[in-house]
Protein backbone atom coordinates (compact mmCIF):
# COMPACT_ATOMS: atom_id res chain seq x y z
CA MET A 1 65.06 91.47 104.71
CA SER A 2 66.99 91.67 101.45
CA ARG A 3 69.45 88.88 100.70
CA GLU A 4 72.13 91.56 100.14
CA ASN A 5 72.19 92.21 103.90
CA GLU A 6 72.00 88.55 104.92
CA TYR A 7 74.67 87.51 107.43
CA GLY A 8 75.11 83.82 108.09
CA ALA A 9 77.55 80.95 107.74
CA GLY A 10 77.57 81.45 103.99
CA GLN A 11 79.12 84.89 104.43
CA ILE A 12 82.04 83.63 106.53
CA GLN A 13 85.19 83.46 104.38
CA VAL A 14 88.18 81.32 105.27
CA LEU A 15 91.39 82.42 103.58
CA GLU A 16 93.57 79.35 103.13
CA GLY A 17 97.37 79.32 102.98
CA LEU A 18 98.98 82.37 101.43
CA GLU A 19 95.66 83.71 100.15
CA ALA A 20 95.32 85.81 103.32
CA VAL A 21 98.65 87.49 102.60
CA ARG A 22 97.66 88.42 99.05
CA LYS A 23 94.28 89.66 100.28
CA ARG A 24 95.69 91.84 103.08
CA PRO A 25 99.40 92.40 102.32
CA ALA A 26 99.71 95.48 104.54
CA MET A 27 99.04 93.31 107.61
CA TYR A 28 102.30 91.48 106.93
CA ILE A 29 104.66 94.05 105.37
CA GLY A 30 103.17 97.35 106.56
CA SER A 31 102.18 98.78 103.17
CA THR A 32 102.18 98.14 99.43
CA ASP A 33 104.17 101.25 98.55
CA ALA A 34 107.95 101.50 98.18
CA ARG A 35 108.46 100.83 101.88
CA GLY A 36 106.58 97.52 101.70
CA LEU A 37 108.38 96.60 98.48
CA HIS A 38 111.80 96.98 100.10
CA HIS A 39 110.56 95.07 103.14
CA LEU A 40 110.47 91.97 100.91
CA VAL A 41 114.24 92.20 100.44
CA TYR A 42 114.80 92.69 104.17
CA GLU A 43 112.76 89.57 104.99
CA VAL A 44 114.96 87.42 102.74
CA VAL A 45 118.21 89.04 103.91
CA ASP A 46 117.15 88.56 107.55
CA ASN A 47 117.09 84.79 106.97
CA SER A 48 120.69 84.96 105.79
CA ILE A 49 121.61 87.13 108.77
CA ASP A 50 120.05 84.52 111.07
CA GLU A 51 122.43 81.98 109.52
CA ALA A 52 125.28 84.39 110.30
CA LEU A 53 124.11 84.76 113.90
CA ALA A 54 124.10 80.97 114.17
CA GLY A 55 127.72 80.95 112.98
CA TYR A 56 127.19 79.34 109.56
CA CYS A 57 127.32 82.30 107.15
CA ASP A 58 129.73 85.17 106.58
CA ASP A 59 128.97 86.25 102.99
CA ILE A 60 125.67 87.67 101.70
CA ASP A 61 125.14 89.01 98.18
CA VAL A 62 122.08 91.08 97.16
CA ALA A 63 121.46 91.92 93.50
CA VAL A 64 118.79 93.99 91.74
CA HIS A 65 118.42 92.61 88.24
CA GLU A 66 117.38 94.24 84.98
CA ASP A 67 114.30 92.01 84.72
CA GLY A 68 112.86 93.59 87.89
CA SER A 69 113.81 90.75 90.22
CA VAL A 70 116.00 90.71 93.31
CA SER A 71 118.23 87.84 94.37
CA VAL A 72 119.77 87.16 97.78
CA THR A 73 122.60 84.63 98.04
CA ASP A 74 124.33 83.42 101.21
CA ASN A 75 126.89 80.77 102.09
CA GLY A 76 124.92 79.33 104.99
CA ARG A 77 123.77 75.75 105.52
CA GLY A 78 121.07 75.90 102.84
CA ILE A 79 117.32 75.51 103.37
CA PRO A 80 116.44 71.89 104.26
CA VAL A 81 115.31 69.81 101.27
CA ASP A 82 114.35 66.54 102.95
CA THR A 83 110.68 65.54 103.23
CA HIS A 84 108.61 67.13 105.99
CA GLU A 85 106.76 64.31 107.76
CA GLN A 86 103.58 66.24 108.61
CA TYR A 87 103.05 67.70 105.14
CA ASP A 88 104.73 64.94 103.09
CA ARG A 89 106.41 67.63 101.00
CA PRO A 90 109.99 68.94 100.74
CA ALA A 91 110.83 71.15 103.71
CA VAL A 92 111.75 74.05 101.40
CA GLU A 93 108.25 73.91 99.91
CA VAL A 94 106.67 73.99 103.37
CA ILE A 95 108.81 76.96 104.39
CA MET A 96 107.83 78.85 101.24
CA THR A 97 104.10 78.15 101.31
CA VAL A 98 103.01 77.70 104.95
CA LEU A 99 102.74 80.66 107.32
CA HIS A 100 104.48 80.31 110.68
CA ALA A 101 106.70 77.52 109.36
CA GLY A 102 110.40 77.77 110.14
CA GLY A 103 113.28 76.58 112.27
CA LYS A 104 113.22 79.46 114.75
CA PHE A 105 110.71 78.36 117.34
CA ASP A 106 112.62 75.76 119.34
CA ASN A 107 115.92 77.66 119.88
CA LYS A 108 117.83 74.63 118.57
CA SER A 109 118.53 75.55 114.97
CA TYR A 110 118.75 79.26 115.83
CA GLN A 111 119.62 80.55 119.31
CA VAL A 112 118.92 84.13 118.21
CA SER A 113 116.75 85.29 115.35
CA GLY A 114 114.93 88.37 114.12
CA GLY A 115 112.30 86.42 112.21
CA LEU A 116 110.43 84.82 115.09
CA HIS A 117 106.98 84.91 113.49
CA GLY A 118 107.86 82.38 110.79
CA VAL A 119 106.02 84.35 108.08
CA GLY A 120 108.93 86.19 106.44
CA VAL A 121 109.96 84.27 103.35
CA SER A 122 106.49 82.75 102.82
CA VAL A 123 105.09 86.28 102.68
CA VAL A 124 107.71 87.22 100.09
CA ASN A 125 106.63 84.20 98.05
CA ALA A 126 102.94 85.09 98.42
CA LEU A 127 103.53 88.65 97.17
CA SER A 128 105.72 87.65 94.22
CA GLN A 129 104.48 86.78 90.77
CA SER A 130 107.39 84.36 90.59
CA LEU A 131 110.04 83.05 92.99
CA LYS A 132 112.95 80.71 92.42
CA VAL A 133 115.18 79.10 95.00
CA GLU A 134 118.51 77.36 94.56
CA ILE A 135 119.89 75.35 97.48
CA LYS A 136 123.37 73.92 97.90
CA ARG A 137 123.52 71.28 100.62
CA ASP A 138 123.74 67.54 101.25
CA GLY A 139 126.30 67.22 98.44
CA ALA A 140 123.94 68.52 95.73
CA VAL A 141 122.35 71.57 94.13
CA TRP A 142 118.53 71.68 94.36
CA GLU A 143 116.06 74.01 92.64
CA HIS A 144 112.42 74.89 93.17
CA GLU A 145 110.03 77.41 91.59
CA PHE A 146 106.79 79.11 92.67
CA ASP A 147 104.10 80.97 90.72
CA HIS A 148 102.08 83.56 92.71
CA GLY A 149 102.97 81.64 95.86
CA GLU A 150 102.04 78.19 94.56
CA PRO A 151 104.70 75.55 93.85
CA VAL A 152 105.15 74.85 90.16
CA ALA A 153 104.44 71.17 89.45
CA ASP A 154 107.57 68.99 89.26
CA ALA A 155 109.79 72.07 89.70
CA PHE A 156 111.59 70.68 92.75
CA GLU A 157 114.54 68.68 91.56
CA ARG A 158 118.14 67.76 92.25
CA VAL A 159 120.08 69.49 89.50
CA ARG A 160 123.63 68.27 89.99
CA ASP A 161 126.28 67.21 92.47
CA LEU A 162 127.98 69.89 94.53
CA GLU A 163 131.55 70.53 93.41
CA PRO A 164 134.24 69.86 96.03
CA ASP A 165 135.24 73.55 96.21
CA GLU A 166 131.65 74.88 96.29
CA ASP A 167 130.14 76.38 99.44
CA THR A 168 126.76 75.39 100.75
CA GLY A 169 124.10 78.10 100.80
CA THR A 170 120.84 79.45 99.43
CA THR A 171 119.86 81.79 96.59
CA ILE A 172 116.33 83.21 96.53
CA GLN A 173 115.28 85.24 93.51
CA PHE A 174 111.84 86.86 93.40
CA TRP A 175 109.79 89.09 91.09
CA PRO A 176 107.38 91.34 93.09
CA ASP A 177 103.76 91.15 91.95
CA GLU A 178 102.89 94.29 89.96
CA ASP A 179 99.20 93.75 90.75
CA ILE A 180 99.89 94.16 94.47
CA PHE A 181 102.59 96.82 94.74
CA GLU A 182 102.18 100.48 93.82
CA THR A 183 105.74 100.45 92.51
CA THR A 184 108.19 97.64 91.74
CA GLU A 185 111.28 99.83 91.34
CA PHE A 186 113.91 99.26 94.00
CA ASP A 187 115.93 102.20 95.31
CA PHE A 188 119.66 101.55 95.64
CA SER A 189 120.28 104.01 98.50
CA THR A 190 117.37 102.59 100.54
CA LEU A 191 118.76 99.07 100.26
CA GLU A 192 122.30 100.31 100.79
CA ASN A 193 121.41 102.01 104.10
CA ARG A 194 119.79 98.89 105.54
CA LEU A 195 122.55 96.53 104.39
CA ARG A 196 125.24 98.84 105.76
CA GLU A 197 123.37 98.88 109.07
CA LEU A 198 123.25 95.07 109.14
CA ALA A 199 126.98 94.88 108.44
CA PHE A 200 127.67 97.23 111.37
CA LEU A 201 125.48 95.11 113.65
CA ASN A 202 127.11 91.83 112.60
CA SER A 203 130.86 92.32 112.69
CA GLY A 204 132.82 90.21 110.24
CA VAL A 205 129.92 89.49 107.86
CA GLN A 206 130.49 90.58 104.25
CA ILE A 207 127.34 92.07 102.67
CA SER A 208 127.41 93.12 99.00
CA LEU A 209 124.83 94.98 96.93
CA ARG A 210 124.69 95.20 93.12
CA ASP A 211 122.18 97.17 91.07
CA GLU A 212 122.32 96.06 87.44
CA VAL A 213 119.71 98.69 86.49
CA GLY A 214 121.56 101.73 87.81
CA ASP A 215 125.02 100.16 87.47
CA GLU A 216 125.86 100.75 91.15
CA GLU A 217 127.43 98.53 93.76
CA SER A 218 128.53 98.62 97.39
CA SER A 219 130.17 96.19 99.76
CA PHE A 220 130.32 96.29 103.56
CA ARG A 221 132.33 94.46 106.20
CA PHE A 222 133.04 95.97 109.60
CA GLU A 223 135.28 94.08 111.99
CA GLY A 224 134.70 96.81 114.59
CA GLY A 225 130.93 96.32 114.55
CA ILE A 226 128.87 98.98 116.30
CA ARG A 227 132.01 100.88 117.30
CA GLU A 228 132.49 101.60 113.62
CA PHE A 229 128.76 102.38 113.39
CA VAL A 230 129.15 105.19 115.94
CA GLY A 231 132.24 106.44 114.13
CA TYR A 232 130.29 106.49 110.86
CA LEU A 233 127.42 108.46 112.42
CA ASN A 234 129.90 110.95 113.88
CA GLU A 235 132.00 111.48 110.75
CA THR A 236 130.56 114.98 110.22
CA LYS A 237 130.49 116.00 113.90
CA THR A 238 132.98 117.65 116.26
CA LEU A 239 134.00 115.09 118.88
CA LEU A 240 134.41 115.65 122.61
CA HIS A 241 136.69 112.63 122.91
CA GLU A 242 138.44 110.52 120.28
CA ASP A 243 137.80 107.02 121.61
CA VAL A 244 134.45 105.28 121.17
CA ILE A 245 133.21 103.96 124.52
CA TYR A 246 132.33 100.29 124.08
CA TYR A 247 131.23 97.48 126.33
CA ASP A 248 129.42 94.18 126.04
CA ASP A 249 128.20 91.54 128.43
CA GLU A 250 125.76 88.65 128.74
CA ALA A 251 123.16 87.84 131.38
CA GLN A 252 120.36 85.27 131.38
CA GLY A 253 121.27 84.33 127.81
CA ILE A 254 120.80 87.93 126.63
CA GLU A 255 123.76 89.61 124.94
CA VAL A 256 124.12 93.37 125.48
CA GLU A 257 126.39 95.49 123.31
CA VAL A 258 126.73 99.29 123.56
CA ALA A 259 128.93 101.84 121.78
CA MET A 260 128.80 105.61 122.35
CA GLN A 261 130.72 108.81 121.75
CA ALA A 262 129.96 112.37 122.86
CA THR A 263 130.11 115.31 120.45
CA GLU A 264 129.87 119.08 120.68
CA GLU A 265 126.63 119.02 118.69
CA LEU A 266 123.32 120.00 120.25
CA GLN A 267 121.38 117.05 118.82
CA GLY A 268 121.75 113.58 120.27
CA SER A 269 121.55 110.43 118.16
CA ILE A 270 120.66 107.19 119.95
CA HIS A 271 119.69 104.05 118.02
CA ALA A 272 118.48 100.80 119.57
CA PHE A 273 118.39 97.35 117.96
CA ALA A 274 117.11 93.97 119.07
CA ASN A 275 118.25 90.91 117.09
CA ASN A 276 119.28 93.28 114.27
CA ILE A 277 115.80 94.80 114.13
CA ASN A 278 115.80 98.60 114.28
CA THR A 279 113.41 99.27 117.16
CA ARG A 280 112.58 102.83 116.11
CA GLU A 281 110.03 103.22 118.90
CA GLY A 282 112.56 102.11 121.48
CA GLY A 283 111.55 99.71 124.21
CA THR A 284 112.89 98.21 127.40
CA HIS A 285 116.52 98.01 126.20
CA LEU A 286 116.57 101.74 125.41
CA THR A 287 114.85 102.64 128.68
CA GLY A 288 117.39 100.63 130.65
CA PHE A 289 120.29 102.31 128.88
CA LYS A 290 118.94 105.84 129.38
CA THR A 291 118.22 105.25 133.07
CA ALA A 292 121.65 103.83 133.82
CA LEU A 293 123.45 106.46 131.73
CA THR A 294 121.86 109.32 133.67
CA ARG A 295 122.58 107.65 137.01
CA VAL A 296 126.23 106.86 136.22
CA VAL A 297 126.92 110.41 134.99
CA ASN A 298 125.25 111.96 138.05
CA ASP A 299 127.03 109.62 140.46
CA TYR A 300 130.42 110.41 138.95
CA ALA A 301 129.71 114.13 138.79
CA LYS A 302 128.63 114.30 142.45
CA THR A 303 131.53 112.16 143.67
CA ASN A 304 134.03 114.37 141.86
CA ASP A 305 132.27 117.68 142.58
CA LEU A 306 131.63 118.51 138.92
CA LEU A 307 128.02 119.71 139.06
CA ASP A 308 128.94 123.38 139.52
CA ASP A 309 126.06 124.36 141.88
CA LEU A 310 123.52 122.19 140.07
CA ASP A 311 121.54 119.66 142.11
CA SER A 312 121.64 117.02 139.38
CA LEU A 313 121.59 116.46 135.63
CA LYS A 314 118.52 115.36 133.73
CA GLY A 315 118.57 112.66 131.07
CA GLU A 316 118.11 115.20 128.28
CA ASP A 317 121.20 117.09 129.54
CA VAL A 318 123.33 113.95 129.52
CA ARG A 319 122.14 112.86 126.06
CA GLU A 320 122.72 116.21 124.35
CA GLY A 321 125.20 115.61 121.51
CA LEU A 322 125.62 111.93 122.45
CA THR A 323 125.73 109.33 119.68
CA ALA A 324 125.02 105.80 120.85
CA VAL A 325 124.09 102.40 119.45
CA ILE A 326 122.50 99.78 121.71
CA SER A 327 122.26 96.25 120.32
CA ILE A 328 120.86 93.28 122.19
CA LYS A 329 120.53 89.65 121.13
CA HIS A 330 117.63 87.85 122.83
CA PRO A 331 116.62 84.19 122.39
CA ASP A 332 112.91 85.08 122.74
CA PRO A 333 112.26 88.77 122.03
CA GLN A 334 108.73 90.12 122.32
CA PHE A 335 108.10 92.77 119.68
CA GLU A 336 105.00 94.85 119.21
CA GLY A 337 103.57 93.49 115.96
CA GLN A 338 105.24 92.05 112.88
CA THR A 339 106.81 95.42 112.09
CA LYS A 340 108.91 94.99 115.26
CA THR A 341 109.36 98.66 116.11
CA LYS A 342 109.36 98.36 119.92
CA LEU A 343 110.84 95.78 122.30
CA GLY A 344 108.60 94.74 125.18
CA ASN A 345 110.57 92.16 127.24
CA SER A 346 110.40 93.47 130.83
CA GLU A 347 113.54 91.64 131.99
CA VAL A 348 115.70 93.40 129.39
CA ARG A 349 115.45 96.77 131.10
CA GLY A 350 117.07 95.55 134.29
CA ILE A 351 119.78 93.62 132.43
CA VAL A 352 120.80 96.56 130.21
CA GLU A 353 120.60 98.91 133.21
CA SER A 354 122.83 96.67 135.31
CA VAL A 355 125.38 96.09 132.53
CA THR A 356 125.57 99.80 131.70
CA HIS A 357 125.86 100.85 135.35
CA GLU A 358 128.74 98.47 135.99
CA GLN A 359 130.64 98.78 132.70
CA LEU A 360 130.23 102.51 132.11
CA GLY A 361 130.98 103.26 135.75
CA THR A 362 134.23 101.31 135.43
CA TYR A 363 135.08 103.09 132.17
CA PHE A 364 134.62 106.51 133.80
CA GLU A 365 136.91 105.55 136.67
CA GLU A 366 139.58 104.37 134.24
CA ASN A 367 139.16 107.31 131.83
CA PRO A 368 138.54 110.43 133.97
CA GLY A 369 139.38 112.82 131.12
CA THR A 370 136.61 111.45 128.91
CA ALA A 371 134.18 111.34 131.84
CA GLN A 372 134.85 115.00 132.68
CA SER A 373 134.37 116.07 129.05
CA ILE A 374 130.99 114.36 128.93
CA ILE A 375 129.91 115.84 132.26
CA MET A 376 131.04 119.37 131.38
CA LYS A 377 128.91 119.21 128.22
CA ALA A 378 125.93 117.98 130.23
CA VAL A 379 126.39 120.73 132.84
CA GLU A 380 126.43 123.32 130.05
CA ALA A 381 123.20 121.86 128.68
CA ALA A 382 121.59 121.89 132.12
CA LYS A 383 122.48 125.54 132.67
CA ALA A 384 121.01 126.48 129.30
CA ARG A 385 117.87 124.54 130.16
CA LYS A 386 117.44 126.25 133.53
CA ALA A 387 118.15 129.70 132.10
CA ALA A 388 115.54 129.11 129.40
CA LYS A 389 112.88 127.69 131.72
CA LYS A 390 110.38 130.38 130.86
CA ALA A 391 110.76 129.80 127.11
CA GLU A 392 110.69 126.07 127.58
CA GLU A 393 107.41 126.26 129.48
CA LEU A 394 105.89 127.31 126.18
CA THR A 395 106.44 123.77 124.95
CA ARG A 396 104.43 122.05 127.67
CA ARG A 397 100.79 121.03 127.75
CA LYS A 398 98.54 123.41 129.70
CA SER A 399 101.17 126.06 129.02
CA ALA A 400 101.28 129.49 127.46
CA LEU A 401 101.88 127.91 124.06
CA GLU A 402 98.81 125.70 124.31
CA SER A 403 96.55 128.46 125.57
CA THR A 404 97.78 131.06 123.11
CA ALA A 405 95.34 131.88 120.35
CA LEU A 406 96.16 130.57 116.89
CA PRO A 407 98.60 132.77 114.99
CA GLY A 408 96.99 135.75 113.29
CA LYS A 409 98.59 134.88 109.95
CA LEU A 410 97.00 131.40 109.99
CA ALA A 411 93.94 131.08 107.76
CA ASP A 412 92.42 128.00 109.39
CA CYS A 413 90.13 125.52 107.67
CA GLN A 414 86.48 124.96 108.54
CA SER A 415 86.88 121.26 109.33
CA ARG A 416 87.85 120.19 112.83
CA ASP A 417 88.57 116.62 111.77
CA PRO A 418 92.38 116.20 111.72
CA GLU A 419 92.16 113.25 109.31
CA GLU A 420 90.68 115.39 106.53
CA SER A 421 92.41 118.67 107.42
CA GLU A 422 95.72 119.83 105.97
CA LEU A 423 98.07 122.66 106.87
CA VAL A 424 99.81 124.22 103.87
CA ILE A 425 102.98 126.04 104.93
CA VAL A 426 103.73 128.61 102.25
CA GLU A 427 106.92 130.49 101.54
CA GLY A 428 106.28 134.25 101.65
CA ASP A 429 103.29 136.55 102.17
CA SER A 430 102.66 136.97 98.44
CA ALA A 431 102.24 133.25 97.80
CA GLY A 432 100.37 133.01 101.10
CA GLY A 433 97.83 135.55 99.87
CA SER A 434 97.26 133.61 96.63
CA ALA A 435 96.99 130.35 98.56
CA LYS A 436 94.41 131.79 100.97
CA GLN A 437 92.27 132.97 98.05
CA GLY A 438 92.66 129.85 95.94
CA ARG A 439 92.32 127.17 98.65
CA ASN A 440 89.42 124.93 99.53
CA ARG A 441 88.42 126.55 102.83
CA ARG A 442 86.69 123.41 104.07
CA PHE A 443 89.86 121.37 104.65
CA GLN A 444 92.88 123.54 103.72
CA ALA A 445 94.53 125.82 106.27
CA ILE A 446 97.23 128.23 105.10
CA LEU A 447 100.20 129.43 107.15
CA PRO A 448 102.57 131.81 105.32
CA LEU A 449 106.09 132.02 106.75
CA LYS A 450 108.26 135.04 106.22
CA GLY A 451 111.85 134.34 105.20
CA LYS A 452 114.02 131.50 106.48
CA ILE A 453 113.41 130.07 109.92
CA LEU A 454 116.20 129.45 112.39
CA ASN A 455 118.51 126.50 111.69
CA VAL A 456 117.54 124.28 114.63
CA GLU A 457 120.56 122.03 114.05
CA LYS A 458 122.77 124.76 115.54
CA HIS A 459 120.57 126.02 118.39
CA ARG A 460 118.98 124.63 121.53
CA LEU A 461 115.21 124.52 121.80
CA ASP A 462 114.96 127.61 123.99
CA ARG A 463 116.70 129.66 121.29
CA VAL A 464 114.57 128.07 118.60
CA LEU A 465 111.39 129.09 120.42
CA GLU A 466 112.42 132.74 120.31
CA ASN A 467 111.84 132.65 116.55
CA ASN A 468 108.33 133.98 115.78
CA GLU A 469 107.92 131.90 112.62
CA VAL A 470 108.80 128.70 114.47
CA ARG A 471 106.38 129.52 117.28
CA SER A 472 103.61 130.24 114.77
CA LEU A 473 104.16 126.84 113.18
CA ILE A 474 104.23 124.97 116.50
CA THR A 475 101.08 126.74 117.68
CA ALA A 476 99.25 126.04 114.41
CA ILE A 477 100.03 122.30 114.51
CA GLY A 478 98.87 122.24 118.12
CA ALA A 479 100.78 119.19 119.40
CA GLY A 480 103.59 120.89 121.30
CA VAL A 481 107.29 120.40 120.61
CA GLY A 482 110.31 118.45 121.81
CA GLU A 483 109.88 116.00 124.70
CA GLU A 484 106.34 117.29 125.29
CA PHE A 485 105.17 116.61 121.73
CA ASP A 486 101.92 114.61 121.56
CA ILE A 487 100.90 113.55 118.07
CA GLU A 488 97.36 112.81 119.28
CA GLU A 489 96.91 116.58 119.64
CA ALA A 490 97.94 117.36 116.04
CA ARG A 491 95.26 119.48 114.36
CA TYR A 492 96.16 118.30 110.86
CA HIS A 493 97.14 114.90 109.45
CA ARG A 494 98.63 116.43 106.31
CA ILE A 495 101.31 119.07 106.72
CA ILE A 496 102.40 120.30 103.29
CA LEU A 497 105.58 122.31 102.72
CA MET A 498 104.97 124.52 99.69
CA THR A 499 108.09 126.42 98.62
CA ASP A 500 109.46 127.81 95.36
CA ALA A 501 111.24 125.43 92.96
CA ASP A 502 114.59 127.20 93.34
CA VAL A 503 117.63 127.11 95.60
CA ASP A 504 116.07 129.37 98.25
CA GLY A 505 112.90 127.30 98.25
CA ALA A 506 114.90 124.10 98.71
CA HIS A 507 116.81 125.71 101.60
CA ILE A 508 113.61 126.81 103.33
CA ARG A 509 112.14 123.33 102.88
CA THR A 510 115.26 121.77 104.41
CA LEU A 511 115.13 124.16 107.39
CA LEU A 512 111.49 123.22 108.00
CA LEU A 513 112.24 119.50 107.69
CA THR A 514 115.12 119.86 110.14
CA LEU A 515 112.76 121.47 112.65
CA LEU A 516 110.17 118.71 112.19
CA TYR A 517 112.77 115.92 112.37
CA ARG A 518 114.55 117.21 115.45
CA HIS A 519 111.62 118.45 117.53
CA MET A 520 108.39 116.94 116.08
CA ARG A 521 109.64 113.66 114.63
CA PRO A 522 106.42 111.65 115.21
CA LEU A 523 104.81 113.71 112.42
CA LEU A 524 107.34 112.28 109.97
CA GLU A 525 107.11 108.78 111.40
CA ALA A 526 103.31 108.86 111.01
CA GLY A 527 103.58 109.97 107.37
CA TYR A 528 101.88 113.32 107.97
CA VAL A 529 104.52 115.46 106.22
CA TYR A 530 104.56 116.21 102.48
CA ALA A 531 106.42 118.48 100.10
CA ALA A 532 104.41 120.09 97.31
CA LYS A 533 106.02 120.04 93.88
CA PRO A 534 104.95 123.11 91.91
CA PRO A 535 105.40 123.12 88.13
CA LEU A 536 108.11 125.19 86.49
CA TYR A 537 106.31 125.73 83.17
CA ARG A 538 102.80 126.08 81.79
CA VAL A 539 102.30 125.39 78.10
CA ARG A 540 99.17 126.44 76.20
CA TYR A 541 98.07 125.16 72.81
CA ARG A 542 94.68 125.56 71.12
CA GLY A 543 92.77 126.03 74.36
CA GLU A 544 94.53 123.17 76.19
CA THR A 545 96.86 123.74 79.16
CA TYR A 546 99.79 121.52 80.15
CA ASP A 547 102.06 121.84 83.22
CA ALA A 548 105.68 120.72 83.20
CA MET A 549 107.91 120.02 86.21
CA THR A 550 111.20 120.10 84.26
CA GLU A 551 112.69 121.53 81.08
CA GLU A 552 112.72 118.04 79.58
CA GLU A 553 109.02 117.60 80.27
CA ARG A 554 108.31 121.04 78.80
CA ASP A 555 110.17 120.17 75.59
CA ARG A 556 108.37 116.84 75.32
CA ILE A 557 104.97 118.52 75.70
CA ILE A 558 105.84 121.11 73.05
CA GLU A 559 106.95 118.39 70.66
CA GLU A 560 104.21 115.82 71.29
CA LYS A 561 101.20 117.96 72.21
CA CYS A 562 101.83 121.21 70.36
CA ASN A 563 103.51 119.96 67.19
CA GLY A 564 106.49 122.12 68.08
CA ASN A 565 104.42 125.34 67.91
CA PRO A 566 102.85 126.18 71.31
CA THR A 567 100.53 129.15 71.74
CA GLN A 568 102.29 130.20 74.95
CA VAL A 569 105.02 128.94 77.27
CA GLN A 570 104.90 130.49 80.74
CA ARG A 571 107.78 130.18 83.20
CA PHE A 572 106.74 130.23 86.86
CA LYS A 573 109.60 131.89 88.74
CA GLY A 574 107.88 131.54 92.11
CA LEU A 575 104.65 130.67 93.85
CA GLY A 576 104.03 134.36 94.47
CA GLU A 577 103.77 135.01 90.72
CA MET A 578 100.82 132.64 90.36
CA ASN A 579 97.33 134.01 90.71
CA PRO A 580 94.97 132.11 93.07
CA ASP A 581 93.43 130.04 90.29
CA GLN A 582 96.83 129.00 88.91
CA LEU A 583 98.11 128.08 92.38
CA TRP A 584 95.01 125.97 93.01
CA ASP A 585 95.14 124.24 89.63
CA THR A 586 98.85 123.44 89.70
CA THR A 587 99.82 122.90 93.33
CA MET A 588 96.84 122.74 95.70
CA ASP A 589 94.05 120.84 93.93
CA PRO A 590 94.14 117.24 95.26
CA GLU A 591 93.06 116.03 91.83
CA ASN A 592 96.06 117.57 90.03
CA ARG A 593 98.82 118.36 92.50
CA VAL A 594 102.04 116.40 92.98
CA LEU A 595 102.95 115.70 96.61
CA LYS A 596 106.00 113.85 97.88
CA GLN A 597 105.51 112.13 101.23
CA ILE A 598 108.51 112.59 103.50
CA SER A 599 109.46 109.48 105.48
CA ILE A 600 112.40 108.45 107.70
CA GLU A 601 112.50 104.69 107.36
CA ASP A 602 116.16 104.72 108.39
CA ALA A 603 116.51 107.06 111.38
CA ALA A 604 120.30 106.67 111.57
CA ALA A 605 120.76 107.64 107.91
CA ALA A 606 118.33 110.55 108.31
CA ASP A 607 120.16 111.79 111.40
CA ARG A 608 123.49 111.70 109.61
CA MET A 609 122.06 113.45 106.55
CA PHE A 610 120.56 116.33 108.54
CA ASN A 611 123.90 116.83 110.26
CA ILE A 612 125.70 116.90 106.90
CA LEU A 613 123.26 119.38 105.37
CA MET A 614 122.64 121.64 108.37
CA GLY A 615 125.56 121.12 110.78
CA ASP A 616 128.70 123.18 111.35
CA ALA A 617 131.14 121.01 109.36
CA VAL A 618 131.57 122.48 105.86
CA GLU A 619 133.75 119.89 104.12
CA PRO A 620 131.27 116.95 104.33
CA ARG A 621 128.56 119.22 102.91
CA LYS A 622 130.79 120.26 100.00
CA GLN A 623 131.61 116.64 99.29
CA PHE A 624 127.93 115.68 99.39
CA ILE A 625 127.02 118.44 96.93
CA LYS A 626 129.78 117.36 94.56
CA GLU A 627 128.63 113.74 94.63
CA HIS A 628 124.88 114.38 94.30
CA SER A 629 124.48 117.62 92.34
CA ASP A 630 123.53 115.68 89.20
CA ASP A 631 120.73 113.90 91.08
CA ALA A 632 118.88 117.07 92.15
CA GLU A 633 115.36 116.96 90.73
CA TRP A 634 113.61 119.91 92.36
CA VAL A 635 116.25 122.64 92.16
CA ASP A 636 116.14 125.10 89.30
CA ILE A 637 119.51 126.88 89.15
């Protein structure tokens, strides 16, 4: 046996301290791309929010600095600086360098906390090339410094006395490690969305964000809490009732807070949080709310004879057009994994269900006008659902949709392995023909779509399914649609939207993304959806070929590569104008193409954005275009 294949005690590695985090960062922050990078900021901010939940902090300041660092400052109690008996080191040093070290395990320092694993800030330290901490407490200002997770010798010191008018608190400044992260550039809007969300969830806490690089800043403070959150989400929607329904209660030490408002829209928007963590996959708190909501609405409707010949309303009928935020605070939440995307505490379901049944039932009795408006909308939805039963059956497993042969226009790939297969959705038959000829048949399937699909933001699913192009797309993906969607049945793990680099192409791409977000969202959540970025120009010079995405890039290539005298400059007006070889070289070849992965890290922000772009209200869309027209990168006007 060769020694290369030997397996014994000598091959067993033990990763000490923070070495495990640096070796496998994705285990702790999900990924090393932009999402993981921003997760570092959230981990530090969550510590400050925990101080706010404990009643010791009401001001948090986040700053992105020109040197690539981020600092988070709060006016809480300050990280402890006294000596930890077990480790014989300052407590701040233990917190920064030892996994699962923190003050959130005994429910004494913190009754409620999001960071229950005790790895948050130590992981940030481990994944930073440098980290500095300044602590104001015990009448003094203390400083400490870390290099790639390790404490710098003699860096912990008492700097000065605390001034009489100075607040206590903590400032953590860190520089992400460029050797670990794919990018170290922070996005202002990504941070802004999360900090705004935290301000909504923690009424009365001031959260500020400054970006010294982009010269942008925002500040949030919402005394109305999640009531204002619902109002914010509904700013672009037509309301069924003006008041936001709100109730809160506590049982078994668990705080339950709910705000909701019904709209005339077809799409519902329900967001659930546990200890400020956005539980995107739901959990027991969301299940309890949905169950009680359906029961309360049905009970009221039957008692007041409002069902109009219907036997009962289904949950999907009741939730159509409803915007709701459910927030619970639990002293010992059980999340699925460190990413905390689903709440698992079994007792929470019954508590939320009971609170909602009692409080919402009382609200309906005291506000019959609002209750009737909500029920009339649900009855309308139920009638549409029953009338469209035949079309809706096409969405179910073992249904006509599943058994239907693949669309004739689909040029499928040879591979049957979803992980290596990709579906390229192409705008127009002309580009589709070039794509079919130029593709790699082994793993690339091509589906050309004719014209613009239906705007699903304005139509119920039964109407959407009458659109042939939509049905072709659903059938090709193979995982169903709507409530029956099963991502395990998806035939491709890369779905690429390939449209022209013009206004029409951008519109078609947005229509497709709206369909995927509203009715096949798990594809986006799994990271399966991409947008292809075709070049606008091709420059030739002395046998060499260069592609340019923008006019600026074209001019730079002409100046730097062609000495200002190119042999040819070709303008691609559309994908259909490219021959198969050009389309392969520029947009389809995995070695050369530029793909943008579409993600929805913040579901609430995504929901609001789709409503602005594709909903009925015109004024918010006009305002958005005015504010962001200069930022458009892919639109050639």
